[in-house]
Protein backbone atom coordinates (compact mmCIF):
# COMPACT_ATOMS: atom_id res chain seq x y z
CA MET A 1 -10.40 -6.70 -2.34
CA ASN A 2 -9.45 -3.34 -0.83
CA ILE A 3 -6.09 -1.59 -1.20
CA ASN A 4 -4.82 -2.91 2.16
CA GLU A 5 -5.57 -6.48 1.10
CA ARG A 6 -3.94 -5.90 -2.28
CA ILE A 7 -0.76 -4.66 -0.62
CA ARG A 8 -0.71 -7.75 1.57
CA TYR A 9 -1.31 -9.97 -1.46
CA LEU A 10 1.54 -8.27 -3.35
CA ARG A 11 3.91 -8.67 -0.42
CA LYS A 12 3.01 -12.19 0.60
CA SER A 13 1.84 -14.00 -2.54
CA GLU A 14 3.65 -12.24 -5.37
CA LEU A 15 6.90 -11.11 -3.75
CA LYS A 16 7.04 -13.77 -1.00
CA MET A 17 8.45 -11.24 1.47
CA THR A 18 8.06 -10.87 5.21
CA GLN A 19 6.45 -7.73 6.58
CA GLN A 20 9.87 -6.67 7.90
CA ALA A 21 11.63 -7.06 4.54
CA PHE A 22 8.85 -5.29 2.63
CA ALA A 23 8.63 -2.48 5.19
CA THR A 24 12.39 -1.95 5.09
CA ARG A 25 12.34 -1.62 1.30
CA ILE A 26 9.61 1.06 1.42
CA LYS A 27 11.13 2.76 4.49
CA ILE A 28 8.39 2.22 7.07
CA SER A 29 8.32 0.26 10.31
CA ARG A 30 7.18 -3.37 10.45
CA SER A 31 4.39 -2.42 12.83
CA ASN A 32 3.16 0.28 10.43
CA MET A 33 3.22 -2.32 7.64
CA GLY A 34 1.07 -4.64 9.73
CA ASN A 35 -1.34 -1.82 10.52
CA ILE A 36 -1.64 -0.95 6.83
CA GLU A 37 -2.38 -4.55 5.89
CA THR A 38 -5.08 -4.89 8.55
CA GLY A 39 -6.63 -1.51 7.73
CA GLU A 40 -5.81 -0.02 11.13
CA VAL A 41 -4.16 2.92 9.37
CA SER A 42 -4.78 4.46 5.96
CA VAL A 43 -2.36 3.93 3.12
CA THR A 44 -0.61 7.23 2.42
CA ASP A 45 0.39 8.61 -0.96
CA ARG A 46 4.02 8.21 0.05
CA VAL A 47 3.60 4.50 0.82
CA ILE A 48 1.83 3.88 -2.50
CA SER A 49 4.52 5.82 -4.33
CA SER A 50 7.30 3.90 -2.53
CA ILE A 51 5.71 0.55 -3.41
CA CYS A 52 5.49 1.61 -7.05
CA GLU A 53 9.10 2.78 -7.18
CA GLU A 54 10.58 -0.07 -5.20
CA PHE A 55 8.73 -2.94 -6.84
CA GLY A 56 8.25 -1.64 -10.37
CA VAL A 57 4.50 -1.23 -10.32
CA ILE A 58 3.41 0.73 -13.39
CA PHE A 59 3.58 4.46 -12.66
CA GLY A 60 0.21 5.28 -14.24
CA ILE A 61 -1.54 2.77 -12.02
CA CYS A 62 0.17 4.29 -8.99
CA VAL A 63 -0.95 7.78 -9.92
CA ILE A 64 -4.52 6.51 -10.22
CA LEU A 65 -4.24 4.73 -6.85
CA ILE A 66 -2.88 7.88 -5.19
CA CYS A 67 -5.72 9.98 -6.64
CA ILE A 68 -8.36 7.46 -5.58
CA SER A 69 -6.77 7.10 -2.14
CA SER A 70 -6.66 10.86 -1.60
CA PHE A 71 -10.25 11.32 -2.75
CA MET A 72 -11.53 8.46 -0.59
CA MET A 73 -9.67 9.75 2.48
CA MET A 74 -11.17 13.21 1.86
CA MET A 75 -14.60 11.69 1.62
CA ASN A 76 -13.89 9.29 4.51
CA ILE A 77 -14.80 6.27 2.39
CA ALA A 78 -13.15 2.85 2.53
CA ILE A 79 -11.15 2.07 -0.61
CA LYS A 80 -12.31 -1.01 -2.55
CA ILE A 81 -10.39 -1.89 -5.72
């Protein structure tokens, strides 16, 4: 499962939220949320950080995700977690 799929799983299965509600909480547009979930756009450090802050994901895990995400984007590699 890649990071995009994990975000969708968190939103839909764990939090039972619509894309609109989730996107509003992390301060992005609904269309951007959809694009993140489908992998059309990369997940930014800010989005990961906002998800961690807004939904109480453990900070250490978020730091690791941000580091992995940044490295993978630099190397132009798809993120699989």
